[in-house]
């Protein structure tokens, strides 16, 4: 999934869950805060999860796992947990 697909999916979530929206800016507004993307707005409304749990898992694993196990953990997270930004998650473990 690329960034454009995530934005489209997030926009769809916002359109389904927010009634009476009058503009794209209105869709990105949560508690009087205008977010830069639909994805961040969906995360703020708890319609979409962020990767903080997976970031914490990888951070903890880097303290005691060998590189082979870290790579396998990363692959498992990508295959079974669908992180929203796998590249960012990978870069955190380097």
C-alpha atoms as a PDB file:
ATOM      1  CA  UNK A   1       0.000   0.000   0.000  1.00  0.00           C
ATOM      2  CA  UNK A   2       1.472   3.349  -0.936  1.00  0.00           C
ATOM      3  CA  UNK A   3       0.897   6.768   0.636  1.00  0.00           C
ATOM      4  CA  UNK A   4      -1.792   7.741  -1.867  1.00  0.00           C
ATOM      5  CA  UNK A   5      -3.835   4.628  -1.088  1.00  0.00           C
ATOM      6  CA  UNK A   6      -3.592   5.291   2.644  1.00  0.00           C
ATOM      7  CA  UNK A   7      -4.862   8.835   2.118  1.00  0.00           C
ATOM      8  CA  UNK A   8      -7.781   7.570  -0.001  1.00  0.00           C
ATOM      9  CA  UNK A   9      -8.631   4.918   2.571  1.00  0.00           C
ATOM     10  CA  UNK A  10      -8.435   7.492   5.385  1.00  0.00           C
ATOM     11  CA  UNK A  11     -10.650   9.888   3.432  1.00  0.00           C
ATOM     12  CA  UNK A  12     -13.190   7.111   2.985  1.00  0.00           C
ATOM     13  CA  UNK A  13     -13.155   6.378   6.739  1.00  0.00           C
ATOM     14  CA  UNK A  14     -13.704  10.055   7.507  1.00  0.00           C
ATOM     15  CA  UNK A  15     -16.549  10.373   4.996  1.00  0.00           C
ATOM     16  CA  UNK A  16     -18.303   7.329   6.445  1.00  0.00           C
ATOM     17  CA  UNK A  17     -17.931   8.391  10.067  1.00  0.00           C
ATOM     18  CA  UNK A  18     -18.274  12.187   9.987  1.00  0.00           C
ATOM     19  CA  UNK A  19     -21.735  13.391   9.138  1.00  0.00           C
ATOM     20  CA  UNK A  20     -22.315  16.888   7.790  1.00  0.00           C
ATOM     21  CA  UNK A  21     -18.799  17.640   6.585  1.00  0.00           C
ATOM     22  CA  UNK A  22     -18.779  20.645   4.263  1.00  0.00           C
ATOM     23  CA  UNK A  23     -15.200  20.633   2.958  1.00  0.00           C
ATOM     24  CA  UNK A  24     -11.990  18.646   2.870  1.00  0.00           C
ATOM     25  CA  UNK A  25     -10.585  20.957   5.547  1.00  0.00           C
ATOM     26  CA  UNK A  26     -13.630  20.218   7.677  1.00  0.00           C
ATOM     27  CA  UNK A  27     -12.899  16.490   7.324  1.00  0.00           C
ATOM     28  CA  UNK A  28      -9.318  17.033   8.517  1.00  0.00           C
ATOM     29  CA  UNK A  29     -10.463  19.035  11.571  1.00  0.00           C
ATOM     30  CA  UNK A  30     -10.675  17.228  14.909  1.00  0.00           C
ATOM     31  CA  UNK A  31     -11.379  19.184  18.105  1.00  0.00           C
ATOM     32  CA  UNK A  32     -10.719  22.519  16.345  1.00  0.00           C
ATOM     33  CA  UNK A  33      -7.300  21.280  15.134  1.00  0.00           C
ATOM     34  CA  UNK A  34      -6.802  21.071  11.354  1.00  0.00           C
ATOM     35  CA  UNK A  35      -4.514  18.144  10.592  1.00  0.00           C
ATOM     36  CA  UNK A  36      -2.276  18.141   7.498  1.00  0.00           C
ATOM     37  CA  UNK A  37      -3.513  14.802   6.119  1.00  0.00           C
ATOM     38  CA  UNK A  38      -6.628  12.649   6.199  1.00  0.00           C
ATOM     39  CA  UNK A  39      -4.557   9.832   7.694  1.00  0.00           C
ATOM     40  CA  UNK A  40      -3.509  11.888  10.734  1.00  0.00           C
ATOM     41  CA  UNK A  41      -7.097  13.082  11.207  1.00  0.00           C
ATOM     42  CA  UNK A  42      -8.355   9.476  11.086  1.00  0.00           C
ATOM     43  CA  UNK A  43      -5.738   8.489  13.676  1.00  0.00           C
ATOM     44  CA  UNK A  44      -6.817  11.402  15.898  1.00  0.00           C
ATOM     45  CA  UNK A  45     -10.411  10.139  15.720  1.00  0.00           C
ATOM     46  CA  UNK A  46      -9.282   6.560  16.487  1.00  0.00           C
ATOM     47  CA  UNK A  47     -10.579   5.396  13.124  1.00  0.00           C
ATOM     48  CA  UNK A  48      -7.134   4.249  12.084  1.00  0.00           C
ATOM     49  CA  UNK A  49      -4.320   2.905  14.210  1.00  0.00           C
ATOM     50  CA  UNK A  50      -0.829   4.318  14.222  1.00  0.00           C
ATOM     51  CA  UNK A  51       2.356   2.255  14.415  1.00  0.00           C
ATOM     52  CA  UNK A  52       3.334   3.230  17.955  1.00  0.00           C
ATOM     53  CA  UNK A  53       2.774  -0.307  19.277  1.00  0.00           C
ATOM     54  CA  UNK A  54       4.983  -1.809  16.569  1.00  0.00           C
ATOM     55  CA  UNK A  55       7.617   0.886  17.087  1.00  0.00           C
ATOM     56  CA  UNK A  56       7.755  -0.012  20.784  1.00  0.00           C
ATOM     57  CA  UNK A  57       7.994  -3.737  20.015  1.00  0.00           C
ATOM     58  CA  UNK A  58      10.913  -3.168  17.632  1.00  0.00           C
ATOM     59  CA  UNK A  59      12.615  -0.784  20.064  1.00  0.00           C
ATOM     60  CA  UNK A  60      12.432  -3.331  22.878  1.00  0.00           C
ATOM     61  CA  UNK A  61      13.585  -6.152  20.617  1.00  0.00           C
ATOM     62  CA  UNK A  62      16.702  -4.249  19.531  1.00  0.00           C
ATOM     63  CA  UNK A  63      17.926  -4.360  23.135  1.00  0.00           C
ATOM     64  CA  UNK A  64      18.254  -8.156  23.281  1.00  0.00           C
ATOM     65  CA  UNK A  65      17.629  -9.773  19.887  1.00  0.00           C
ATOM     66  CA  UNK A  66      20.192 -10.689  17.256  1.00  0.00           C
ATOM     67  CA  UNK A  67      19.894  -9.165  13.753  1.00  0.00           C
ATOM     68  CA  UNK A  68      18.396 -12.365  12.324  1.00  0.00           C
ATOM     69  CA  UNK A  69      15.575 -12.298  14.873  1.00  0.00           C
ATOM     70  CA  UNK A  70      15.020  -8.562  14.332  1.00  0.00           C
ATOM     71  CA  UNK A  71      14.622  -9.091  10.602  1.00  0.00           C
ATOM     72  CA  UNK A  72      12.201 -11.960  11.184  1.00  0.00           C
ATOM     73  CA  UNK A  73      10.190  -9.867  13.667  1.00  0.00           C
ATOM     74  CA  UNK A  74      10.021  -7.019  11.149  1.00  0.00           C
ATOM     75  CA  UNK A  75       8.826  -9.394   8.425  1.00  0.00           C
ATOM     76  CA  UNK A  76       6.214 -10.893  10.753  1.00  0.00           C
ATOM     77  CA  UNK A  77       4.916  -7.435  11.689  1.00  0.00           C
ATOM     78  CA  UNK A  78       4.695  -6.443   8.018  1.00  0.00           C
ATOM     79  CA  UNK A  79       2.943  -9.675   6.988  1.00  0.00           C
ATOM     80  CA  UNK A  80       0.494 -10.122   9.832  1.00  0.00           C
ATOM     81  CA  UNK A  81      -0.012  -6.711  11.445  1.00  0.00           C
ATOM     82  CA  UNK A  82      -0.193  -4.336   8.446  1.00  0.00           C
ATOM     83  CA  UNK A  83       1.760  -1.344   9.792  1.00  0.00           C
ATOM     84  CA  UNK A  84       0.797   1.952   8.170  1.00  0.00           C
ATOM     85  CA  UNK A  85       4.408   2.996   7.496  1.00  0.00           C
ATOM     86  CA  UNK A  86       6.683  -0.045   7.212  1.00  0.00           C
ATOM     87  CA  UNK A  87       9.620   1.979   5.868  1.00  0.00           C
ATOM     88  CA  UNK A  88       9.577   4.263   8.916  1.00  0.00           C
ATOM     89  CA  UNK A  89       9.379   1.224  11.184  1.00  0.00           C
ATOM     90  CA  UNK A  90      12.374  -0.311   9.414  1.00  0.00           C
ATOM     91  CA  UNK A  91      14.394   2.880   9.660  1.00  0.00           C
ATOM     92  CA  UNK A  92      13.831   3.035  13.417  1.00  0.00           C
ATOM     93  CA  UNK A  93      15.573  -0.298  13.881  1.00  0.00           C
ATOM     94  CA  UNK A  94      18.692   0.529  11.862  1.00  0.00           C
END
